[in-house]
Amino acid sequence: MKRTFRAWFWIKAGVAAVSGILAVVTLFWQDWIEALTGFDPDSHDGSVELAIVFGLAVTCAVLSVAAGTEWRRSKSSAAIV
């Protein structure tokens, strides 16, 4: 049996992976946002970066669960066929 995944699976999995990677990068290198954009909203106090890590981690978790649901859906539909 061959699994076929909808495009939504790949989108969810890809965005989850990118947000997870960015969350880890932000944990270890908090100034990457300022280095990339030149914008420093918190004057190097780290509060904005902490909020970004939290948001990215939540996004990663939610989209990972959603992609897992798509994964299981494709598995059950492949078994029916």
PDB file of N, CA and C in Angstrom:
ATOM      1  N   MET A   1       0.833  -1.180   0.000  1.00  0.00           N
ATOM      2  CA  MET A   1       0.000   0.000   0.000  1.00  0.00           C
ATOM      3  C   MET A   1       0.877   1.244   0.000  1.00  0.00           C
ATOM      4  N   LYS A   2       0.533   2.155  -0.835  1.00  0.00           N
ATOM      5  CA  LYS A   2       1.283   3.390  -0.927  1.00  0.00           C
ATOM      6  C   LYS A   2       0.489   4.513  -0.270  1.00  0.00           C
ATOM      7  N   ARG A   3       1.154   5.264   0.578  1.00  0.00           N
ATOM      8  CA  ARG A   3       0.508   6.403   1.214  1.00  0.00           C
ATOM      9  C   ARG A   3       0.571   7.602   0.285  1.00  0.00           C
ATOM     10  N   THR A   4      -0.512   8.321   0.244  1.00  0.00           N
ATOM     11  CA  THR A   4      -0.508   9.591  -0.465  1.00  0.00           C
ATOM     12  C   THR A   4      -0.904  10.662   0.526  1.00  0.00           C
ATOM     13  N   PHE A   5      -0.132  11.702   0.558  1.00  0.00           N
ATOM     14  CA  PHE A   5      -0.380  12.794   1.491  1.00  0.00           C
ATOM     15  C   PHE A   5      -0.924  13.994   0.748  1.00  0.00           C
ATOM     16  N   ARG A   6      -1.859  14.658   1.377  1.00  0.00           N
ATOM     17  CA  ARG A   6      -2.384  15.892   0.805  1.00  0.00           C
ATOM     18  C   ARG A   6      -1.345  16.994   0.966  1.00  0.00           C
ATOM     19  N   ALA A   7      -1.502  18.042   0.211  1.00  0.00           N
ATOM     20  CA  ALA A   7      -0.560  19.163   0.272  1.00  0.00           C
ATOM     21  C   ALA A   7      -0.548  19.788   1.661  1.00  0.00           C
ATOM     22  N   TRP A   8      -1.671  19.760   2.355  1.00  0.00           N
ATOM     23  CA  TRP A   8      -1.741  20.347   3.699  1.00  0.00           C
ATOM     24  C   TRP A   8      -0.776  19.662   4.659  1.00  0.00           C
ATOM     25  N   PHE A   9      -0.576  18.369   4.509  1.00  0.00           N
ATOM     26  CA  PHE A   9       0.380  17.662   5.367  1.00  0.00           C
ATOM     27  C   PHE A   9       1.766  18.257   5.211  1.00  0.00           C
ATOM     28  N   TRP A  10       2.197  18.423   3.970  1.00  0.00           N
ATOM     29  CA  TRP A  10       3.543  18.938   3.717  1.00  0.00           C
ATOM     30  C   TRP A  10       3.690  20.373   4.182  1.00  0.00           C
ATOM     31  N   ILE A  11       2.645  21.184   4.020  1.00  0.00           N
ATOM     32  CA  ILE A  11       2.684  22.571   4.487  1.00  0.00           C
ATOM     33  C   ILE A  11       2.798  22.603   6.005  1.00  0.00           C
ATOM     34  N   LYS A  12       1.954  21.831   6.686  1.00  0.00           N
ATOM     35  CA  LYS A  12       1.977  21.804   8.152  1.00  0.00           C
ATOM     36  C   LYS A  12       3.316  21.287   8.674  1.00  0.00           C
ATOM     37  N   ALA A  13       3.799  20.214   8.089  1.00  0.00           N
ATOM     38  CA  ALA A  13       5.068  19.636   8.532  1.00  0.00           C
ATOM     39  C   ALA A  13       6.229  20.600   8.278  1.00  0.00           C
ATOM     40  N   GLY A  14       6.218  21.258   7.138  1.00  0.00           N
ATOM     41  CA  GLY A  14       7.288  22.201   6.816  1.00  0.00           C
ATOM     42  C   GLY A  14       7.299  23.416   7.721  1.00  0.00           C
ATOM     43  N   VAL A  15       6.140  23.994   7.954  1.00  0.00           N
ATOM     44  CA  VAL A  15       6.065  25.171   8.831  1.00  0.00           C
ATOM     45  C   VAL A  15       6.394  24.780  10.271  1.00  0.00           C
ATOM     46  N   ALA A  16       5.971  23.597  10.698  1.00  0.00           N
ATOM     47  CA  ALA A  16       6.316  23.119  12.043  1.00  0.00           C
ATOM     48  C   ALA A  16       7.829  22.964  12.180  1.00  0.00           C
ATOM     49  N   ALA A  17       8.475  22.412  11.177  1.00  0.00           N
ATOM     50  CA  ALA A  17       9.928  22.226  11.221  1.00  0.00           C
ATOM     51  C   ALA A  17      10.654  23.567  11.256  1.00  0.00           C
ATOM     52  N   VAL A  18      10.250  24.487  10.402  1.00  0.00           N
ATOM     53  CA  VAL A  18      10.895  25.801  10.358  1.00  0.00           C
ATOM     54  C   VAL A  18      10.691  26.552  11.672  1.00  0.00           C
ATOM     55  N   SER A  19       9.481  26.520  12.214  1.00  0.00           N
ATOM     56  CA  SER A  19       9.236  27.231  13.469  1.00  0.00           C
ATOM     57  C   SER A  19       9.996  26.581  14.620  1.00  0.00           C
ATOM     58  N   GLY A  20      10.123  25.272  14.615  1.00  0.00           N
ATOM     59  CA  GLY A  20      10.912  24.603  15.645  1.00  0.00           C
ATOM     60  C   GLY A  20      12.384  24.964  15.567  1.00  0.00           C
ATOM     61  N   ILE A  21      12.911  24.993  14.358  1.00  0.00           N
ATOM     62  CA  ILE A  21      14.315  25.372  14.164  1.00  0.00           C
ATOM     63  C   ILE A  21      14.546  26.816  14.595  1.00  0.00           C
ATOM     64  N   LEU A  22      13.653  27.717  14.213  1.00  0.00           N
ATOM     65  CA  LEU A  22      13.800  29.122  14.602  1.00  0.00           C
ATOM     66  C   LEU A  22      13.668  29.312  16.112  1.00  0.00           C
ATOM     67  N   ALA A  23      12.819  28.517  16.763  1.00  0.00           N
ATOM     68  CA  ALA A  23      12.702  28.602  18.223  1.00  0.00           C
ATOM     69  C   ALA A  23      14.027  28.224  18.885  1.00  0.00           C
ATOM     70  N   VAL A  24      14.654  27.155  18.399  1.00  0.00           N
ATOM     71  CA  VAL A  24      15.936  26.730  18.964  1.00  0.00           C
ATOM     72  C   VAL A  24      17.028  27.759  18.666  1.00  0.00           C
ATOM     73  N   VAL A  25      17.055  28.268  17.441  1.00  0.00           N
ATOM     74  CA  VAL A  25      18.043  29.297  17.084  1.00  0.00           C
ATOM     75  C   VAL A  25      17.867  30.518  17.970  1.00  0.00           C
ATOM     76  N   THR A  26      16.631  30.933  18.215  1.00  0.00           N
ATOM     77  CA  THR A  26      16.372  32.111  19.034  1.00  0.00           C
ATOM     78  C   THR A  26      16.777  31.870  20.485  1.00  0.00           C
ATOM     79  N   LEU A  27      16.657  30.655  20.967  1.00  0.00           N
ATOM     80  CA  LEU A  27      17.105  30.352  22.329  1.00  0.00           C
ATOM     81  C   LEU A  27      18.609  30.558  22.490  1.00  0.00           C
ATOM     82  N   PHE A  28      19.381  30.140  21.485  1.00  0.00           N
ATOM     83  CA  PHE A  28      20.826  30.202  21.592  1.00  0.00           C
ATOM     84  C   PHE A  28      21.447  31.485  21.040  1.00  0.00           C
ATOM     85  N   TRP A  29      20.779  32.133  20.108  1.00  0.00           N
ATOM     86  CA  TRP A  29      21.311  33.367  19.511  1.00  0.00           C
ATOM     87  C   TRP A  29      20.170  34.373  19.444  1.00  0.00           C
ATOM     88  N   GLN A  30      19.941  35.063  20.565  1.00  0.00           N
ATOM     89  CA  GLN A  30      18.779  35.933  20.688  1.00  0.00           C
ATOM     90  C   GLN A  30      18.867  37.181  19.816  1.00  0.00           C
ATOM     91  N   ASP A  31      20.046  37.575  19.419  1.00  0.00           N
ATOM     92  CA  ASP A  31      20.191  38.813  18.645  1.00  0.00           C
ATOM     93  C   ASP A  31      20.101  38.607  17.139  1.00  0.00           C
ATOM     94  N   TRP A  32      19.711  37.419  16.678  1.00  0.00           N
ATOM     95  CA  TRP A  32      19.660  37.204  15.233  1.00  0.00           C
ATOM     96  C   TRP A  32      18.607  38.076  14.577  1.00  0.00           C
ATOM     97  N   ILE A  33      17.552  38.399  15.298  1.00  0.00           N
ATOM     98  CA  ILE A  33      16.500  39.240  14.732  1.00  0.00           C
ATOM     99  C   ILE A  33      17.022  40.661  14.523  1.00  0.00           C
ATOM    100  N   GLU A  34      17.731  41.185  15.543  1.00  0.00           N
ATOM    101  CA  GLU A  34      18.318  42.520  15.401  1.00  0.00           C
ATOM    102  C   GLU A  34      19.395  42.537  14.316  1.00  0.00           C
ATOM    103  N   ALA A  35      20.180  41.464  14.231  1.00  0.00           N
ATOM    104  CA  ALA A  35      21.235  41.401  13.216  1.00  0.00           C
ATOM    105  C   ALA A  35      20.649  41.356  11.813  1.00  0.00           C
ATOM    106  N   LEU A  36      19.517  40.680  11.665  1.00  0.00           N
ATOM    107  CA  LEU A  36      18.903  40.535  10.353  1.00  0.00           C
ATOM    108  C   LEU A  36      18.149  41.795   9.936  1.00  0.00           C
ATOM    109  N   THR A  37      17.400  42.382  10.867  1.00  0.00           N
ATOM    110  CA  THR A  37      16.524  43.505  10.513  1.00  0.00           C
ATOM    111  C   THR A  37      17.036  44.862  10.961  1.00  0.00           C
ATOM    112  N   GLY A  38      17.875  44.893  11.990  1.00  0.00           N
ATOM    113  CA  GLY A  38      18.324  46.167  12.542  1.00  0.00           C
ATOM    114  C   GLY A  38      17.308  46.779  13.492  1.00  0.00           C
ATOM    115  N   PHE A  39      16.213  46.105  13.729  1.00  0.00           N
ATOM    116  CA  PHE A  39      15.130  46.584  14.594  1.00  0.00           C
ATOM    117  C   PHE A  39      15.312  45.997  15.991  1.00  0.00           C
ATOM    118  N   ASP A  40      15.319  46.845  17.011  1.00  0.00           N
ATOM    119  CA  ASP A  40      15.533  46.412  18.389  1.00  0.00           C
ATOM    120  C   ASP A  40      14.424  46.979  19.276  1.00  0.00           C
ATOM    121  N   PRO A  41      13.279  46.318  19.341  1.00  0.00           N
ATOM    122  CA  PRO A  41      12.139  46.865  20.079  1.00  0.00           C
ATOM    123  C   PRO A  41      12.290  46.833  21.597  1.00  0.00           C
ATOM    124  N   ASP A  42      13.162  45.988  22.137  1.00  0.00           N
ATOM    125  CA  ASP A  42      13.257  45.861  23.590  1.00  0.00           C
ATOM    126  C   ASP A  42      14.596  46.327  24.155  1.00  0.00           C
ATOM    127  N   SER A  43      15.396  46.991  23.373  1.00  0.00           N
ATOM    128  CA  SER A  43      16.703  47.519  23.798  1.00  0.00           C
ATOM    129  C   SER A  43      17.578  46.453  24.457  1.00  0.00           C
ATOM    130  N   HIS A  44      17.675  45.320  23.832  1.00  0.00           N
ATOM    131  CA  HIS A  44      18.510  44.191  24.274  1.00  0.00           C
ATOM    132  C   HIS A  44      18.117  43.642  25.633  1.00  0.00           C
ATOM    133  N   ASP A  45      16.852  43.739  26.011  1.00  0.00           N
ATOM    134  CA  ASP A  45      16.439  43.188  27.306  1.00  0.00           C
ATOM    135  C   ASP A  45      16.000  41.731  27.169  1.00  0.00           C
ATOM    136  N   GLY A  46      15.689  41.270  25.960  1.00  0.00           N
ATOM    137  CA  GLY A  46      15.402  39.863  25.718  1.00  0.00           C
ATOM    138  C   GLY A  46      13.944  39.460  25.846  1.00  0.00           C
ATOM    139  N   SER A  47      13.074  40.378  26.235  1.00  0.00           N
ATOM    140  CA  SER A  47      11.672  40.012  26.435  1.00  0.00           C
ATOM    141  C   SER A  47      10.967  39.695  25.116  1.00  0.00           C
ATOM    142  N   VAL A  48      11.264  40.436  24.077  1.00  0.00           N
ATOM    143  CA  VAL A  48      10.638  40.168  22.781  1.00  0.00           C
ATOM    144  C   VAL A  48      11.113  38.818  22.243  1.00  0.00           C
ATOM    145  N   GLU A  49      12.387  38.542  22.395  1.00  0.00           N
ATOM    146  CA  GLU A  49      12.921  37.265  21.934  1.00  0.00           C
ATOM    147  C   GLU A  49      12.288  36.098  22.685  1.00  0.00           C
ATOM    148  N   LEU A  50      12.057  36.258  23.987  1.00  0.00           N
ATOM    149  CA  LEU A  50      11.408  35.208  24.767  1.00  0.00           C
ATOM    150  C   LEU A  50       9.977  34.983  24.290  1.00  0.00           C
ATOM    151  N   ALA A  51       9.271  36.059  23.973  1.00  0.00           N
ATOM    152  CA  ALA A  51       7.911  35.932  23.437  1.00  0.00           C
ATOM    153  C   ALA A  51       7.931  35.250  22.069  1.00  0.00           C
ATOM    154  N   ILE A  52       8.935  35.543  21.265  1.00  0.00           N
ATOM    155  CA  ILE A  52       9.053  34.917  19.949  1.00  0.00           C
ATOM    156  C   ILE A  52       9.336  33.427  20.099  1.00  0.00           C
ATOM    157  N   VAL A  53      10.217  33.051  21.033  1.00  0.00           N
ATOM    158  CA  VAL A  53      10.498  31.628  21.278  1.00  0.00           C
ATOM    159  C   VAL A  53       9.219  30.915  21.698  1.00  0.00           C
ATOM    160  N   PHE A  54       8.456  31.512  22.601  1.00  0.00           N
ATOM    161  CA  PHE A  54       7.207  30.905  23.056  1.00  0.00           C
ATOM    162  C   PHE A  54       6.239  30.740  21.891  1.00  0.00           C
ATOM    163  N   GLY A  55       6.074  31.791  21.095  1.00  0.00           N
ATOM    164  CA  GLY A  55       5.160  31.725  19.947  1.00  0.00           C
ATOM    165  C   GLY A  55       5.580  30.683  18.926  1.00  0.00           C
ATOM    166  N   LEU A  56       6.860  30.624  18.640  1.00  0.00           N
ATOM    167  CA  LEU A  56       7.358  29.630  17.680  1.00  0.00           C
ATOM    168  C   LEU A  56       7.210  28.210  18.217  1.00  0.00           C
ATOM    169  N   ALA A  57       7.443  28.027  19.512  1.00  0.00           N
ATOM    170  CA  ALA A  57       7.294  26.695  20.101  1.00  0.00           C
ATOM    171  C   ALA A  57       5.840  26.244  20.075  1.00  0.00           C
ATOM    172  N   VAL A  58       4.919  27.144  20.373  1.00  0.00           N
ATOM    173  CA  VAL A  58       3.489  26.812  20.323  1.00  0.00           C
ATOM    174  C   VAL A  58       3.081  26.489  18.888  1.00  0.00           C
ATOM    175  N   THR A  59       3.537  27.296  17.940  1.00  0.00           N
ATOM    176  CA  THR A  59       3.246  27.044  16.527  1.00  0.00           C
ATOM    177  C   THR A  59       3.773  25.684  16.101  1.00  0.00           C
ATOM    178  N   CYS A  60       4.980  25.354  16.502  1.00  0.00           N
ATOM    179  CA  CYS A  60       5.581  24.064  16.169  1.00  0.00           C
ATOM    180  C   CYS A  60       4.752  22.919  16.743  1.00  0.00           C
ATOM    181  N   ALA A  61       4.346  23.048  18.001  1.00  0.00           N
ATOM    182  CA  ALA A  61       3.580  21.980  18.645  1.00  0.00           C
ATOM    183  C   ALA A  61       2.220  21.780  17.984  1.00  0.00           C
ATOM    184  N   VAL A  62       1.514  22.880  17.733  1.00  0.00           N
ATOM    185  CA  VAL A  62       0.171  22.786  17.146  1.00  0.00           C
ATOM    186  C   VAL A  62       0.240  22.202  15.736  1.00  0.00           C
ATOM    187  N   LEU A  63       1.173  22.674  14.937  1.00  0.00           N
ATOM    188  CA  LEU A  63       1.271  22.171  13.569  1.00  0.00           C
ATOM    189  C   LEU A  63       1.809  20.743  13.513  1.00  0.00           C
ATOM    190  N   SER A  64       2.614  20.356  14.476  1.00  0.00           N
ATOM    191  CA  SER A  64       3.068  18.968  14.532  1.00  0.00           C
ATOM    192  C   SER A  64       1.907  18.027  14.817  1.00  0.00           C
ATOM    193  N   VAL A  65       1.036  18.433  15.740  1.00  0.00           N
ATOM    194  CA  VAL A  65      -0.152  17.628  16.028  1.00  0.00           C
ATOM    195  C   VAL A  65      -1.052  17.564  14.795  1.00  0.00           C
ATOM    196  N   ALA A  66      -1.230  18.693  14.123  1.00  0.00           N
ATOM    197  CA  ALA A  66      -2.070  18.717  12.923  1.00  0.00           C
ATOM    198  C   ALA A  66      -1.477  17.849  11.812  1.00  0.00           C
ATOM    199  N   ALA A  67      -0.161  17.899  11.633  1.00  0.00           N
ATOM    200  CA  ALA A  67       0.479  17.057  10.622  1.00  0.00           C
ATOM    201  C   ALA A  67       0.365  15.581  11.009  1.00  0.00           C
ATOM    202  N   GLY A  68       0.471  15.281  12.300  1.00  0.00           N
ATOM    203  CA  GLY A  68       0.293  13.903  12.753  1.00  0.00           C
ATOM    204  C   GLY A  68      -1.102  13.389  12.465  1.00  0.00           C
ATOM    205  N   THR A  69      -2.090  14.256  12.598  1.00  0.00           N
ATOM    206  CA  THR A  69      -3.462  13.877  12.259  1.00  0.00           C
ATOM    207  C   THR A  69      -3.583  13.558  10.777  1.00  0.00           C
ATOM    208  N   GLU A  70      -2.968  14.382   9.941  1.00  0.00           N
ATOM    209  CA  GLU A  70      -2.950  14.108   8.497  1.00  0.00           C
ATOM    210  C   GLU A  70      -2.241  12.783   8.210  1.00  0.00           C
ATOM    211  N   TRP A  71      -1.154  12.510   8.929  1.00  0.00           N
ATOM    212  CA  TRP A  71      -0.396  11.268   8.749  1.00  0.00           C
ATOM    213  C   TRP A  71      -1.281  10.061   9.052  1.00  0.00           C
ATOM    214  N   ARG A  72      -1.971  10.123  10.192  1.00  0.00           N
ATOM    215  CA  ARG A  72      -2.849   9.014  10.558  1.00  0.00           C
ATOM    216  C   ARG A  72      -4.012   8.882   9.593  1.00  0.00           C
ATOM    217  N   ARG A  73      -4.527  10.000   9.105  1.00  0.00           N
ATOM    218  CA  ARG A  73      -5.627   9.966   8.143  1.00  0.00           C
ATOM    219  C   ARG A  73      -5.194   9.263   6.867  1.00  0.00           C
ATOM    220  N   SER A  74      -3.991   9.523   6.405  1.00  0.00           N
ATOM    221  CA  SER A  74      -3.524   8.874   5.171  1.00  0.00           C
ATOM    222  C   SER A  74      -3.303   7.388   5.409  1.00  0.00           C
ATOM    223  N   LYS A  75      -2.885   7.027   6.616  1.00  0.00           N
ATOM    224  CA  LYS A  75      -2.661   5.623   6.938  1.00  0.00           C
ATOM    225  C   LYS A  75      -3.984   4.850   6.952  1.00  0.00           C
ATOM    226  N   SER A  76      -5.006   5.462   7.544  1.00  0.00           N
ATOM    227  CA  SER A  76      -6.297   4.770   7.607  1.00  0.00           C
ATOM    228  C   SER A  76      -6.962   4.714   6.242  1.00  0.00           C
ATOM    229  N   SER A  77      -6.804   5.741   5.428  1.00  0.00           N
ATOM    230  CA  SER A  77      -7.410   5.702   4.096  1.00  0.00           C
ATOM    231  C   SER A  77      -6.662   4.734   3.175  1.00  0.00           C
ATOM    232  N   ALA A  78      -5.363   4.552   3.402  1.00  0.00           N
ATOM    233  CA  ALA A  78      -4.605   3.594   2.604  1.00  0.00           C
ATOM    234  C   ALA A  78      -5.022   2.162   2.961  1.00  0.00           C
ATOM    235  N   ALA A  79      -5.383   1.938   4.208  1.00  0.00           N
ATOM    236  CA  ALA A  79      -5.795   0.608   4.632  1.00  0.00           C
ATOM    237  C   ALA A  79      -7.158   0.238   4.079  1.00  0.00           C
ATOM    238  N   ILE A  80      -8.009   1.250   3.825  1.00  0.00           N
ATOM    239  CA  ILE A  80      -9.355   1.016   3.307  1.00  0.00           C
ATOM    240  C   ILE A  80      -9.292   0.620   1.845  1.00  0.00           C
ATOM    241  N   VAL A  81      -8.389   1.229   1.097  1.00  0.00           N
ATOM    242  CA  VAL A  81      -8.317   1.004  -0.342  1.00  0.00           C
ATOM    243  C   VAL A  81      -7.817  -0.347  -0.676  1.00  0.00           C
TER     244      VAL A  81
END
